PDB file of N, CA and C in Angstrom:
ATOM      1  N   MET A   1      -0.661  17.290   7.481  1.00  0.00           N
ATOM      2  CA  MET A   1      -0.810  16.150   6.596  1.00  0.00           C
ATOM      3  C   MET A   1       0.159  15.044   7.037  1.00  0.00           C
ATOM      4  N   LEU A   2      -0.357  13.839   7.124  1.00  0.00           N
ATOM      5  CA  LEU A   2       0.475  12.705   7.531  1.00  0.00           C
ATOM      6  C   LEU A   2       1.433  12.308   6.423  1.00  0.00           C
ATOM      7  N   LYS A   3       2.646  11.965   6.809  1.00  0.00           N
ATOM      8  CA  LYS A   3       3.619  11.468   5.833  1.00  0.00           C
ATOM      9  C   LYS A   3       3.154  10.120   5.310  1.00  0.00           C
ATOM     10  N   LYS A   4       3.294   9.910   4.029  1.00  0.00           N
ATOM     11  CA  LYS A   4       2.963   8.624   3.434  1.00  0.00           C
ATOM     12  C   LYS A   4       4.085   7.643   3.714  1.00  0.00           C
ATOM     13  N   ILE A   5       3.696   6.394   3.981  1.00  0.00           N
ATOM     14  CA  ILE A   5       4.663   5.343   4.298  1.00  0.00           C
ATOM     15  C   ILE A   5       4.937   4.521   3.049  1.00  0.00           C
ATOM     16  N   ILE A   6       6.205   4.429   2.686  1.00  0.00           N
ATOM     17  CA  ILE A   6       6.610   3.652   1.518  1.00  0.00           C
ATOM     18  C   ILE A   6       7.567   2.551   1.954  1.00  0.00           C
ATOM     19  N   LEU A   7       7.238   1.332   1.557  1.00  0.00           N
ATOM     20  CA  LEU A   7       8.110   0.191   1.807  1.00  0.00           C
ATOM     21  C   LEU A   7       8.969  -0.034   0.569  1.00  0.00           C
ATOM     22  N   VAL A   8      10.283  -0.110   0.766  1.00  0.00           N
ATOM     23  CA  VAL A   8      11.212  -0.396  -0.321  1.00  0.00           C
ATOM     24  C   VAL A   8      11.784  -1.796  -0.083  1.00  0.00           C
ATOM     25  N   VAL A   9      11.558  -2.690  -1.061  1.00  0.00           N
ATOM     26  CA  VAL A   9      12.063  -4.064  -0.978  1.00  0.00           C
ATOM     27  C   VAL A   9      13.186  -4.187  -2.004  1.00  0.00           C
ATOM     28  N   GLU A  10      14.409  -4.309  -1.509  1.00  0.00           N
ATOM     29  CA  GLU A  10      15.599  -4.307  -2.375  1.00  0.00           C
ATOM     30  C   GLU A  10      16.688  -5.118  -1.689  1.00  0.00           C
ATOM     31  N   ASP A  11      17.230  -6.100  -2.405  1.00  0.00           N
ATOM     32  CA  ASP A  11      18.244  -6.958  -1.791  1.00  0.00           C
ATOM     33  C   ASP A  11      19.658  -6.390  -1.853  1.00  0.00           C
ATOM     34  N   GLU A  12      19.887  -5.365  -2.661  1.00  0.00           N
ATOM     35  CA  GLU A  12      21.211  -4.738  -2.706  1.00  0.00           C
ATOM     36  C   GLU A  12      21.217  -3.541  -1.760  1.00  0.00           C
ATOM     37  N   HIS A  13      21.988  -3.651  -0.689  1.00  0.00           N
ATOM     38  CA  HIS A  13      21.980  -2.653   0.386  1.00  0.00           C
ATOM     39  C   HIS A  13      22.225  -1.227  -0.123  1.00  0.00           C
ATOM     40  N   PHE A  14      23.192  -1.070  -1.015  1.00  0.00           N
ATOM     41  CA  PHE A  14      23.529   0.262  -1.536  1.00  0.00           C
ATOM     42  C   PHE A  14      22.327   0.887  -2.249  1.00  0.00           C
ATOM     43  N   LEU A  15      21.641   0.114  -3.086  1.00  0.00           N
ATOM     44  CA  LEU A  15      20.465   0.633  -3.807  1.00  0.00           C
ATOM     45  C   LEU A  15      19.311   0.907  -2.853  1.00  0.00           C
ATOM     46  N   LEU A  16      19.187   0.093  -1.826  1.00  0.00           N
ATOM     47  CA  LEU A  16      18.160   0.313  -0.804  1.00  0.00           C
ATOM     48  C   LEU A  16      18.396   1.651  -0.108  1.00  0.00           C
ATOM     49  N   GLU A  17      19.645   1.907   0.246  1.00  0.00           N
ATOM     50  CA  GLU A  17      20.000   3.170   0.913  1.00  0.00           C
ATOM     51  C   GLU A  17      19.736   4.382   0.017  1.00  0.00           C
ATOM     52  N   ILE A  18      20.134   4.284  -1.237  1.00  0.00           N
ATOM     53  CA  ILE A  18      19.925   5.396  -2.174  1.00  0.00           C
ATOM     54  C   ILE A  18      18.437   5.682  -2.340  1.00  0.00           C
ATOM     55  N   THR A  19      17.665   4.625  -2.578  1.00  0.00           N
ATOM     56  CA  THR A  19      16.235   4.800  -2.833  1.00  0.00           C
ATOM     57  C   THR A  19      15.536   5.390  -1.613  1.00  0.00           C
ATOM     58  N   THR A  20      15.803   4.855  -0.431  1.00  0.00           N
ATOM     59  CA  THR A  20      15.140   5.390   0.763  1.00  0.00           C
ATOM     60  C   THR A  20      15.581   6.825   1.054  1.00  0.00           C
ATOM     61  N   SER A  21      16.831   7.133   0.802  1.00  0.00           N
ATOM     62  CA  SER A  21      17.318   8.508   1.021  1.00  0.00           C
ATOM     63  C   SER A  21      16.607   9.495   0.108  1.00  0.00           C
ATOM     64  N   ILE A  22      16.445   9.137  -1.156  1.00  0.00           N
ATOM     65  CA  ILE A  22      15.733  10.007  -2.108  1.00  0.00           C
ATOM     66  C   ILE A  22      14.301  10.225  -1.634  1.00  0.00           C
ATOM     67  N   LEU A  23      13.633   9.162  -1.254  1.00  0.00           N
ATOM     68  CA  LEU A  23      12.237   9.272  -0.811  1.00  0.00           C
ATOM     69  C   LEU A  23      12.112  10.136   0.438  1.00  0.00           C
ATOM     70  N   GLN A  24      13.054   9.991   1.364  1.00  0.00           N
ATOM     71  CA  GLN A  24      13.023  10.798   2.578  1.00  0.00           C
ATOM     72  C   GLN A  24      13.242  12.278   2.264  1.00  0.00           C
ATOM     73  N   LEU A  25      14.101  12.566   1.277  1.00  0.00           N
ATOM     74  CA  LEU A  25      14.313  13.963   0.864  1.00  0.00           C
ATOM     75  C   LEU A  25      13.016  14.594   0.357  1.00  0.00           C
ATOM     76  N   TYR A  26      12.138  13.781  -0.229  1.00  0.00           N
ATOM     77  CA  TYR A  26      10.860  14.268  -0.736  1.00  0.00           C
ATOM     78  C   TYR A  26       9.746  14.177   0.310  1.00  0.00           C
ATOM     79  N   GLY A  27      10.105  13.878   1.547  1.00  0.00           N
ATOM     80  CA  GLY A  27       9.143  13.931   2.636  1.00  0.00           C
ATOM     81  C   GLY A  27       8.378  12.651   2.933  1.00  0.00           C
ATOM     82  N   PHE A  28       8.796  11.530   2.353  1.00  0.00           N
ATOM     83  CA  PHE A  28       8.129  10.261   2.633  1.00  0.00           C
ATOM     84  C   PHE A  28       8.776   9.586   3.832  1.00  0.00           C
ATOM     85  N   TYR A  29       7.982   8.806   4.549  1.00  0.00           N
ATOM     86  CA  TYR A  29       8.491   7.950   5.617  1.00  0.00           C
ATOM     87  C   TYR A  29       8.765   6.599   4.979  1.00  0.00           C
ATOM     88  N   THR A  30       9.958   6.054   5.182  1.00  0.00           N
ATOM     89  CA  THR A  30      10.314   4.808   4.501  1.00  0.00           C
ATOM     90  C   THR A  30      10.525   3.655   5.472  1.00  0.00           C
ATOM     91  N   LEU A  31      10.158   2.486   4.998  1.00  0.00           N
ATOM     92  CA  LEU A  31      10.461   1.222   5.639  1.00  0.00           C
ATOM     93  C   LEU A  31      11.250   0.426   4.628  1.00  0.00           C
ATOM     94  N   SER A  32      12.017  -0.556   5.080  1.00  0.00           N
ATOM     95  CA  SER A  32      12.796  -1.319   4.122  1.00  0.00           C
ATOM     96  C   SER A  32      12.773  -2.803   4.451  1.00  0.00           C
ATOM     97  N   ALA A  33      12.981  -3.584   3.400  1.00  0.00           N
ATOM     98  CA  ALA A  33      13.083  -5.029   3.522  1.00  0.00           C
ATOM     99  C   ALA A  33      14.115  -5.492   2.506  1.00  0.00           C
ATOM    100  N   SER A  34      14.886  -6.513   2.869  1.00  0.00           N
ATOM    101  CA  SER A  34      15.964  -6.962   1.993  1.00  0.00           C
ATOM    102  C   SER A  34      15.569  -8.141   1.100  1.00  0.00           C
ATOM    103  N   ASN A  35      14.333  -8.630   1.254  1.00  0.00           N
ATOM    104  CA  ASN A  35      13.832  -9.689   0.369  1.00  0.00           C
ATOM    105  C   ASN A  35      12.308  -9.723   0.451  1.00  0.00           C
ATOM    106  N   ALA A  36      11.695 -10.537  -0.396  1.00  0.00           N
ATOM    107  CA  ALA A  36      10.242 -10.573  -0.488  1.00  0.00           C
ATOM    108  C   ALA A  36       9.581 -11.084   0.794  1.00  0.00           C
ATOM    109  N   LEU A  37      10.146 -12.106   1.417  1.00  0.00           N
ATOM    110  CA  LEU A  37       9.550 -12.633   2.652  1.00  0.00           C
ATOM    111  C   LEU A  37       9.560 -11.582   3.758  1.00  0.00           C
ATOM    112  N   GLU A  38      10.674 -10.889   3.869  1.00  0.00           N
ATOM    113  CA  GLU A  38      10.762  -9.802   4.851  1.00  0.00           C
ATOM    114  C   GLU A  38       9.759  -8.702   4.484  1.00  0.00           C
ATOM    115  N   GLY A  39       9.622  -8.432   3.188  1.00  0.00           N
ATOM    116  CA  GLY A  39       8.654  -7.440   2.717  1.00  0.00           C
ATOM    117  C   GLY A  39       7.234  -7.797   3.105  1.00  0.00           C
ATOM    118  N   LEU A  40       6.861  -9.058   2.932  1.00  0.00           N
ATOM    119  CA  LEU A  40       5.518  -9.510   3.319  1.00  0.00           C
ATOM    120  C   LEU A  40       5.292  -9.339   4.815  1.00  0.00           C
ATOM    121  N   GLN A  41       6.325  -9.608   5.609  1.00  0.00           N
ATOM    122  CA  GLN A  41       6.233  -9.428   7.062  1.00  0.00           C
ATOM    123  C   GLN A  41       6.001  -7.958   7.403  1.00  0.00           C
ATOM    124  N   VAL A  42       6.771  -7.063   6.770  1.00  0.00           N
ATOM    125  CA  VAL A  42       6.625  -5.626   7.030  1.00  0.00           C
ATOM    126  C   VAL A  42       5.223  -5.160   6.623  1.00  0.00           C
ATOM    127  N   VAL A  43       4.734  -5.626   5.488  1.00  0.00           N
ATOM    128  CA  VAL A  43       3.390  -5.250   5.025  1.00  0.00           C
ATOM    129  C   VAL A  43       2.350  -5.675   6.058  1.00  0.00           C
ATOM    130  N   SER A  44       2.478  -6.891   6.586  1.00  0.00           N
ATOM    131  CA  SER A  44       1.488  -7.383   7.547  1.00  0.00           C
ATOM    132  C   SER A  44       1.534  -6.610   8.865  1.00  0.00           C
ATOM    133  N   GLU A  45       2.691  -6.066   9.201  1.00  0.00           N
ATOM    134  CA  GLU A  45       2.835  -5.331  10.463  1.00  0.00           C
ATOM    135  C   GLU A  45       2.472  -3.854  10.340  1.00  0.00           C
ATOM    136  N   THR A  46       2.694  -3.252   9.161  1.00  0.00           N
ATOM    137  CA  THR A  46       2.565  -1.794   9.057  1.00  0.00           C
ATOM    138  C   THR A  46       1.587  -1.300   8.005  1.00  0.00           C
ATOM    139  N   ARG A  47       1.246  -2.131   7.035  1.00  0.00           N
ATOM    140  CA  ARG A  47       0.396  -1.760   5.900  1.00  0.00           C
ATOM    141  C   ARG A  47       0.802  -0.400   5.301  1.00  0.00           C
ATOM    142  N   PRO A  48       1.899  -0.394   4.540  1.00  0.00           N
ATOM    143  CA  PRO A  48       2.376   0.856   3.937  1.00  0.00           C
ATOM    144  C   PRO A  48       1.385   1.403   2.906  1.00  0.00           C
ATOM    145  N   ASP A  49       1.559   2.673   2.561  1.00  0.00           N
ATOM    146  CA  ASP A  49       0.699   3.309   1.561  1.00  0.00           C
ATOM    147  C   ASP A  49       1.085   2.909   0.142  1.00  0.00           C
ATOM    148  N   LEU A  50       2.355   2.515  -0.050  1.00  0.00           N
ATOM    149  CA  LEU A  50       2.862   2.156  -1.372  1.00  0.00           C
ATOM    150  C   LEU A  50       4.085   1.273  -1.177  1.00  0.00           C
ATOM    151  N   ILE A  51       4.326   0.394  -2.151  1.00  0.00           N
ATOM    152  CA  ILE A  51       5.485  -0.500  -2.093  1.00  0.00           C
ATOM    153  C   ILE A  51       6.308  -0.331  -3.369  1.00  0.00           C
ATOM    154  N   ILE A  52       7.618  -0.242  -3.194  1.00  0.00           N
ATOM    155  CA  ILE A  52       8.556  -0.249  -4.315  1.00  0.00           C
ATOM    156  C   ILE A  52       9.380  -1.513  -4.161  1.00  0.00           C
ATOM    157  N   SER A  53       9.413  -2.340  -5.204  1.00  0.00           N
ATOM    158  CA  SER A  53      10.135  -3.606  -5.101  1.00  0.00           C
ATOM    159  C   SER A  53      11.051  -3.832  -6.291  1.00  0.00           C
ATOM    160  N   ASP A  54      12.213  -4.370  -5.983  1.00  0.00           N
ATOM    161  CA  ASP A  54      13.108  -4.874  -7.012  1.00  0.00           C
ATOM    162  C   ASP A  54      12.475  -6.137  -7.589  1.00  0.00           C
ATOM    163  N   VAL A  55      12.938  -6.581  -8.734  1.00  0.00           N
ATOM    164  CA  VAL A  55      12.440  -7.833  -9.310  1.00  0.00           C
ATOM    165  C   VAL A  55      13.389  -8.979  -9.008  1.00  0.00           C
ATOM    166  N   MET A  56      14.681  -8.771  -9.271  1.00  0.00           N
ATOM    167  CA  MET A  56      15.655  -9.858  -9.128  1.00  0.00           C
ATOM    168  C   MET A  56      16.128  -9.969  -7.678  1.00  0.00           C
ATOM    169  N   MET A  57      15.451 -10.856  -6.940  1.00  0.00           N
ATOM    170  CA  MET A  57      15.803 -11.099  -5.544  1.00  0.00           C
ATOM    171  C   MET A  57      15.907 -12.604  -5.347  1.00  0.00           C
ATOM    172  N   GLY A  58      16.264 -13.027  -4.143  1.00  0.00           N
ATOM    173  CA  GLY A  58      16.476 -14.429  -3.786  1.00  0.00           C
ATOM    174  C   GLY A  58      15.410 -15.420  -4.197  1.00  0.00           C
ATOM    175  N   GLU A  59      14.886 -16.159  -3.215  1.00  0.00           N
ATOM    176  CA  GLU A  59      13.950 -17.250  -3.502  1.00  0.00           C
ATOM    177  C   GLU A  59      12.676 -16.766  -4.189  1.00  0.00           C
ATOM    178  N   ILE A  60      12.170 -15.628  -3.767  1.00  0.00           N
ATOM    179  CA  ILE A  60      10.935 -15.081  -4.329  1.00  0.00           C
ATOM    180  C   ILE A  60      11.292 -13.798  -5.073  1.00  0.00           C
ATOM    181  N   ASP A  61      11.030 -13.783  -6.383  1.00  0.00           N
ATOM    182  CA  ASP A  61      11.350 -12.566  -7.140  1.00  0.00           C
ATOM    183  C   ASP A  61      10.228 -11.537  -6.999  1.00  0.00           C
ATOM    184  N   GLY A  62      10.462 -10.364  -7.556  1.00  0.00           N
ATOM    185  CA  GLY A  62       9.490  -9.278  -7.450  1.00  0.00           C
ATOM    186  C   GLY A  62       8.159  -9.584  -8.101  1.00  0.00           C
ATOM    187  N   PHE A  63       8.170 -10.331  -9.203  1.00  0.00           N
ATOM    188  CA  PHE A  63       6.924 -10.700  -9.871  1.00  0.00           C
ATOM    189  C   PHE A  63       6.059 -11.552  -8.940  1.00  0.00           C
ATOM    190  N   GLN A  64       6.686 -12.548  -8.319  1.00  0.00           N
ATOM    191  CA  GLN A  64       5.967 -13.427  -7.386  1.00  0.00           C
ATOM    192  C   GLN A  64       5.503 -12.644  -6.153  1.00  0.00           C
ATOM    193  N   PHE A  65       6.347 -11.740  -5.678  1.00  0.00           N
ATOM    194  CA  PHE A  65       6.016 -10.912  -4.518  1.00  0.00           C
ATOM    195  C   PHE A  65       4.742 -10.111  -4.784  1.00  0.00           C
ATOM    196  N   VAL A  66       4.665  -9.478  -5.948  1.00  0.00           N
ATOM    197  CA  VAL A  66       3.479  -8.688  -6.289  1.00  0.00           C
ATOM    198  C   VAL A  66       2.250  -9.590  -6.383  1.00  0.00           C
ATOM    199  N   LYS A  67       2.403 -10.751  -7.011  1.00  0.00           N
ATOM    200  CA  LYS A  67       1.277 -11.684  -7.117  1.00  0.00           C
ATOM    201  C   LYS A  67       0.779 -12.104  -5.736  1.00  0.00           C
ATOM    202  N   MET A  68       1.692 -12.331  -4.813  1.00  0.00           N
ATOM    203  CA  MET A  68       1.307 -12.718  -3.449  1.00  0.00           C
ATOM    204  C   MET A  68       0.550 -11.582  -2.759  1.00  0.00           C
ATOM    205  N   LEU A  69       1.016 -10.361  -2.933  1.00  0.00           N
ATOM    206  CA  LEU A  69       0.327  -9.201  -2.346  1.00  0.00           C
ATOM    207  C   LEU A  69      -1.072  -9.049  -2.936  1.00  0.00           C
ATOM    208  N   LYS A  70      -1.164  -9.143  -4.249  1.00  0.00           N
ATOM    209  CA  LYS A  70      -2.443  -8.913  -4.929  1.00  0.00           C
ATOM    210  C   LYS A  70      -3.438 -10.040  -4.674  1.00  0.00           C
ATOM    211  N   ALA A  71      -2.945 -11.218  -4.284  1.00  0.00           N
ATOM    212  CA  ALA A  71      -3.828 -12.345  -3.972  1.00  0.00           C
ATOM    213  C   ALA A  71      -4.442 -12.213  -2.576  1.00  0.00           C
ATOM    214  N   ASN A  72      -3.885 -11.336  -1.742  1.00  0.00           N
ATOM    215  CA  ASN A  72      -4.376 -11.162  -0.378  1.00  0.00           C
ATOM    216  C   ASN A  72      -5.324  -9.964  -0.327  1.00  0.00           C
ATOM    217  N   PRO A  73      -6.602 -10.180  -0.007  1.00  0.00           N
ATOM    218  CA  PRO A  73      -7.567  -9.071   0.005  1.00  0.00           C
ATOM    219  C   PRO A  73      -7.224  -7.960   1.001  1.00  0.00           C
ATOM    220  N   LEU A  74      -6.382  -8.244   1.989  1.00  0.00           N
ATOM    221  CA  LEU A  74      -5.987  -7.206   2.947  1.00  0.00           C
ATOM    222  C   LEU A  74      -4.996  -6.211   2.351  1.00  0.00           C
ATOM    223  N   TYR A  75      -4.267  -6.655   1.315  1.00  0.00           N
ATOM    224  CA  TYR A  75      -3.185  -5.821   0.770  1.00  0.00           C
ATOM    225  C   TYR A  75      -3.300  -5.549  -0.722  1.00  0.00           C
ATOM    226  N   ASN A  76      -4.302  -6.097  -1.386  1.00  0.00           N
ATOM    227  CA  ASN A  76      -4.343  -6.007  -2.848  1.00  0.00           C
ATOM    228  C   ASN A  76      -4.609  -4.604  -3.385  1.00  0.00           C
ATOM    229  N   ASP A  77      -4.972  -3.672  -2.510  1.00  0.00           N
ATOM    230  CA  ASP A  77      -5.193  -2.293  -2.955  1.00  0.00           C
ATOM    231  C   ASP A  77      -3.965  -1.402  -2.764  1.00  0.00           C
ATOM    232  N   ILE A  78      -2.877  -1.957  -2.217  1.00  0.00           N
ATOM    233  CA  ILE A  78      -1.661  -1.160  -2.030  1.00  0.00           C
ATOM    234  C   ILE A  78      -0.945  -1.055  -3.381  1.00  0.00           C
ATOM    235  N   PRO A  79      -0.709   0.169  -3.872  1.00  0.00           N
ATOM    236  CA  PRO A  79      -0.001   0.313  -5.152  1.00  0.00           C
ATOM    237  C   PRO A  79       1.437  -0.202  -5.053  1.00  0.00           C
ATOM    238  N   VAL A  80       1.881  -0.840  -6.135  1.00  0.00           N
ATOM    239  CA  VAL A  80       3.237  -1.389  -6.185  1.00  0.00           C
ATOM    240  C   VAL A  80       3.957  -0.870  -7.429  1.00  0.00           C
ATOM    241  N   ILE A  81       5.175  -0.401  -7.222  1.00  0.00           N
ATOM    242  CA  ILE A  81       6.064  -0.011  -8.311  1.00  0.00           C
ATOM    243  C   ILE A  81       7.193  -1.025  -8.352  1.00  0.00           C
ATOM    244  N   LEU A  82       7.412  -1.630  -9.506  1.00  0.00           N
ATOM    245  CA  LEU A  82       8.583  -2.481  -9.693  1.00  0.00           C
ATOM    246  C   LEU A  82       9.710  -1.595 -10.200  1.00  0.00           C
ATOM    247  N   LEU A  83      10.826  -1.597  -9.486  1.00  0.00           N
ATOM    248  CA  LEU A  83      11.991  -0.777  -9.809  1.00  0.00           C
ATOM    249  C   LEU A  83      13.136  -1.747 -10.057  1.00  0.00           C
ATOM    250  N   THR A  84      13.526  -1.899 -11.318  1.00  0.00           N
ATOM    251  CA  THR A  84      14.411  -3.005 -11.677  1.00  0.00           C
ATOM    252  C   THR A  84      15.348  -2.667 -12.825  1.00  0.00           C
ATOM    253  N   ALA A  85      16.399  -3.449 -12.936  1.00  0.00           N
ATOM    254  CA  ALA A  85      17.319  -3.317 -14.065  1.00  0.00           C
ATOM    255  C   ALA A  85      16.804  -4.055 -15.303  1.00  0.00           C
ATOM    256  N   LEU A  86      15.759  -4.860 -15.149  1.00  0.00           N
ATOM    257  CA  LEU A  86      15.198  -5.601 -16.289  1.00  0.00           C
ATOM    258  C   LEU A  86      14.424  -4.635 -17.183  1.00  0.00           C
ATOM    259  N   ALA A  87      15.018  -4.289 -18.320  1.00  0.00           N
ATOM    260  CA  ALA A  87      14.443  -3.262 -19.179  1.00  0.00           C
ATOM    261  C   ALA A  87      13.694  -3.811 -20.391  1.00  0.00           C
ATOM    262  N   ASP A  88      13.701  -5.122 -20.567  1.00  0.00           N
ATOM    263  CA  ASP A  88      13.052  -5.732 -21.725  1.00  0.00           C
ATOM    264  C   ASP A  88      11.541  -5.581 -21.638  1.00  0.00           C
ATOM    265  N   VAL A  89      10.892  -5.378 -22.782  1.00  0.00           N
ATOM    266  CA  VAL A  89       9.439  -5.195 -22.812  1.00  0.00           C
ATOM    267  C   VAL A  89       8.705  -6.442 -22.300  1.00  0.00           C
ATOM    268  N   VAL A  90       9.288  -7.614 -22.504  1.00  0.00           N
ATOM    269  CA  VAL A  90       8.680  -8.849 -21.988  1.00  0.00           C
ATOM    270  C   VAL A  90       8.638  -8.812 -20.452  1.00  0.00           C
ATOM    271  N   ASP A  91       9.736  -8.348 -19.843  1.00  0.00           N
ATOM    272  CA  ASP A  91       9.773  -8.236 -18.383  1.00  0.00           C
ATOM    273  C   ASP A  91       8.781  -7.183 -17.885  1.00  0.00           C
ATOM    274  N   LYS A  92       8.713  -6.061 -18.589  1.00  0.00           N
ATOM    275  CA  LYS A  92       7.763  -5.011 -18.201  1.00  0.00           C
ATOM    276  C   LYS A  92       6.336  -5.546 -18.271  1.00  0.00           C
ATOM    277  N   ASN A  93       6.009  -6.250 -19.344  1.00  0.00           N
ATOM    278  CA  ASN A  93       4.667  -6.822 -19.468  1.00  0.00           C
ATOM    279  C   ASN A  93       4.391  -7.829 -18.359  1.00  0.00           C
ATOM    280  N   LYS A  94       5.394  -8.635 -18.023  1.00  0.00           N
ATOM    281  CA  LYS A  94       5.252  -9.614 -16.944  1.00  0.00           C
ATOM    282  C   LYS A  94       5.007  -8.900 -15.612  1.00  0.00           C
ATOM    283  N   GLY A  95       5.717  -7.812 -15.408  1.00  0.00           N
ATOM    284  CA  GLY A  95       5.552  -7.033 -14.183  1.00  0.00           C
ATOM    285  C   GLY A  95       4.168  -6.434 -14.061  1.00  0.00           C
ATOM    286  N   MET A  96       3.680  -5.872 -15.153  1.00  0.00           N
ATOM    287  CA  MET A  96       2.347  -5.272 -15.123  1.00  0.00           C
ATOM    288  C   MET A  96       1.278  -6.360 -14.982  1.00  0.00           C
ATOM    289  N   ALA A  97       1.502  -7.503 -15.611  1.00  0.00           N
ATOM    290  CA  ALA A  97       0.556  -8.620 -15.508  1.00  0.00           C
ATOM    291  C   ALA A  97       0.518  -9.199 -14.089  1.00  0.00           C
ATOM    292  N   SER A  98       1.608  -9.064 -13.355  1.00  0.00           N
ATOM    293  CA  SER A  98       1.652  -9.575 -11.980  1.00  0.00           C
ATOM    294  C   SER A  98       0.789  -8.738 -11.042  1.00  0.00           C
ATOM    295  N   GLY A  99       0.462  -7.514 -11.477  1.00  0.00           N
ATOM    296  CA  GLY A  99      -0.377  -6.646 -10.658  1.00  0.00           C
ATOM    297  C   GLY A  99       0.253  -5.329 -10.265  1.00  0.00           C
ATOM    298  N   ALA A 100       1.498  -5.085 -10.698  1.00  0.00           N
ATOM    299  CA  ALA A 100       2.159  -3.816 -10.382  1.00  0.00           C
ATOM    300  C   ALA A 100       1.447  -2.671 -11.109  1.00  0.00           C
ATOM    301  N   GLN A 101       1.451  -1.503 -10.477  1.00  0.00           N
ATOM    302  CA  GLN A 101       0.840  -0.325 -11.095  1.00  0.00           C
ATOM    303  C   GLN A 101       1.834   0.470 -11.937  1.00  0.00           C
ATOM    304  N   ALA A 102       3.126   0.249 -11.718  1.00  0.00           N
ATOM    305  CA  ALA A 102       4.152   0.956 -12.490  1.00  0.00           C
ATOM    306  C   ALA A 102       5.406   0.096 -12.563  1.00  0.00           C
ATOM    307  N   TYR A 103       6.196   0.349 -13.606  1.00  0.00           N
ATOM    308  CA  TYR A 103       7.429  -0.398 -13.853  1.00  0.00           C
ATOM    309  C   TYR A 103       8.482   0.618 -14.268  1.00  0.00           C
ATOM    310  N   ILE A 104       9.487   0.794 -13.433  1.00  0.00           N
ATOM    311  CA  ILE A 104      10.539   1.783 -13.693  1.00  0.00           C
ATOM    312  C   ILE A 104      11.874   1.048 -13.738  1.00  0.00           C
ATOM    313  N   THR A 105      12.686   1.370 -14.752  1.00  0.00           N
ATOM    314  CA  THR A 105      13.966   0.679 -14.884  1.00  0.00           C
ATOM    315  C   THR A 105      15.098   1.491 -14.247  1.00  0.00           C
ATOM    316  N   LYS A 106      16.087   0.744 -13.754  1.00  0.00           N
ATOM    317  CA  LYS A 106      17.308   1.327 -13.184  1.00  0.00           C
ATOM    318  C   LYS A 106      18.312   1.494 -14.310  1.00  0.00           C
ATOM    319  N   PRO A 107      19.162   2.498 -14.246  1.00  0.00           N
ATOM    320  CA  PRO A 107      19.164   3.552 -13.246  1.00  0.00           C
ATOM    321  C   PRO A 107      17.930   4.438 -13.399  1.00  0.00           C
ATOM    322  N   PHE A 108      17.413   4.912 -12.277  1.00  0.00           N
ATOM    323  CA  PHE A 108      16.175   5.684 -12.319  1.00  0.00           C
ATOM    324  C   PHE A 108      16.431   7.139 -11.972  1.00  0.00           C
ATOM    325  N   ASN A 109      15.487   7.973 -12.378  1.00  0.00           N
ATOM    326  CA  ASN A 109      15.514   9.398 -12.080  1.00  0.00           C
ATOM    327  C   ASN A 109      14.647   9.610 -10.840  1.00  0.00           C
ATOM    328  N   GLY A 110      15.201  10.203  -9.798  1.00  0.00           N
ATOM    329  CA  GLY A 110      14.469  10.408  -8.553  1.00  0.00           C
ATOM    330  C   GLY A 110      13.180  11.188  -8.730  1.00  0.00           C
ATOM    331  N   LYS A 111      13.224  12.234  -9.553  1.00  0.00           N
ATOM    332  CA  LYS A 111      12.020  13.047  -9.774  1.00  0.00           C
ATOM    333  C   LYS A 111      10.944  12.228 -10.490  1.00  0.00           C
ATOM    334  N   GLU A 112      11.346  11.385 -11.436  1.00  0.00           N
ATOM    335  CA  GLU A 112      10.397  10.522 -12.141  1.00  0.00           C
ATOM    336  C   GLU A 112       9.748   9.540 -11.163  1.00  0.00           C
ATOM    337  N   LEU A 113      10.551   8.971 -10.286  1.00  0.00           N
ATOM    338  CA  LEU A 113      10.030   8.032  -9.298  1.00  0.00           C
ATOM    339  C   LEU A 113       9.016   8.726  -8.386  1.00  0.00           C
ATOM    340  N   VAL A 114       9.365   9.898  -7.881  1.00  0.00           N
ATOM    341  CA  VAL A 114       8.476  10.629  -6.973  1.00  0.00           C
ATOM    342  C   VAL A 114       7.193  11.055  -7.694  1.00  0.00           C
ATOM    343  N   LYS A 115       7.306  11.454  -8.946  1.00  0.00           N
ATOM    344  CA  LYS A 115       6.116  11.813  -9.728  1.00  0.00           C
ATOM    345  C   LYS A 115       5.178  10.611  -9.852  1.00  0.00           C
ATOM    346  N   THR A 116       5.744   9.446 -10.142  1.00  0.00           N
ATOM    347  CA  THR A 116       4.943   8.224 -10.246  1.00  0.00           C
ATOM    348  C   THR A 116       4.300   7.887  -8.910  1.00  0.00           C
ATOM    349  N   ILE A 117       5.059   8.002  -7.835  1.00  0.00           N
ATOM    350  CA  ILE A 117       4.517   7.743  -6.486  1.00  0.00           C
ATOM    351  C   ILE A 117       3.338   8.661  -6.209  1.00  0.00           C
ATOM    352  N   ASN A 118       3.521   9.945  -6.440  1.00  0.00           N
ATOM    353  CA  ASN A 118       2.448  10.908  -6.163  1.00  0.00           C
ATOM    354  C   ASN A 118       1.203  10.618  -6.984  1.00  0.00           C
ATOM    355  N   GLN A 119       1.382  10.226  -8.234  1.00  0.00           N
ATOM    356  CA  GLN A 119       0.235   9.868  -9.079  1.00  0.00           C
ATOM    357  C   GLN A 119      -0.507   8.652  -8.503  1.00  0.00           C
ATOM    358  N   LEU A 120       0.234   7.662  -8.054  1.00  0.00           N
ATOM    359  CA  LEU A 120      -0.390   6.449  -7.523  1.00  0.00           C
ATOM    360  C   LEU A 120      -1.045   6.672  -6.160  1.00  0.00           C
ATOM    361  N   LEU A 121      -0.582   7.635  -5.412  1.00  0.00           N
ATOM    362  CA  LEU A 121      -1.147   7.895  -4.082  1.00  0.00           C
ATOM    363  C   LEU A 121      -2.371   8.799  -4.125  1.00  0.00           C
ATOM    364  N   GLN A 122      -2.678   9.379  -5.265  1.00  0.00           N
ATOM    365  CA  GLN A 122      -3.857  10.249  -5.374  1.00  0.00           C
ATOM    366  C   GLN A 122      -5.134   9.465  -5.486  1.00  0.00           C
TER     367      GLN A 122
END
């Protein structure tokens, strides 16, 4: 069975390292990007099976990033999980309205994240 490719878009290096390490422990192949523009570049080059994105990033936030992905017919079927410290229900609704398939708040539980990933990849 081929390893699933997951792109993690996170501007905080420490959180990027933690998230990718957890995913690798569960057998996923990970790619990383430190902002939304870099994430879009990685998507165009590799077409990952799933994307995990932070919301609070530089010029383009996670909400806009998801909208850009979902507006492109080449990538609009890639599941996206927003993984963020924004825990307010208004933010969660905004995230889901942007096109994300899941919204998980930080700090997150690794097993919960992997369970959500597996559900979205089925």
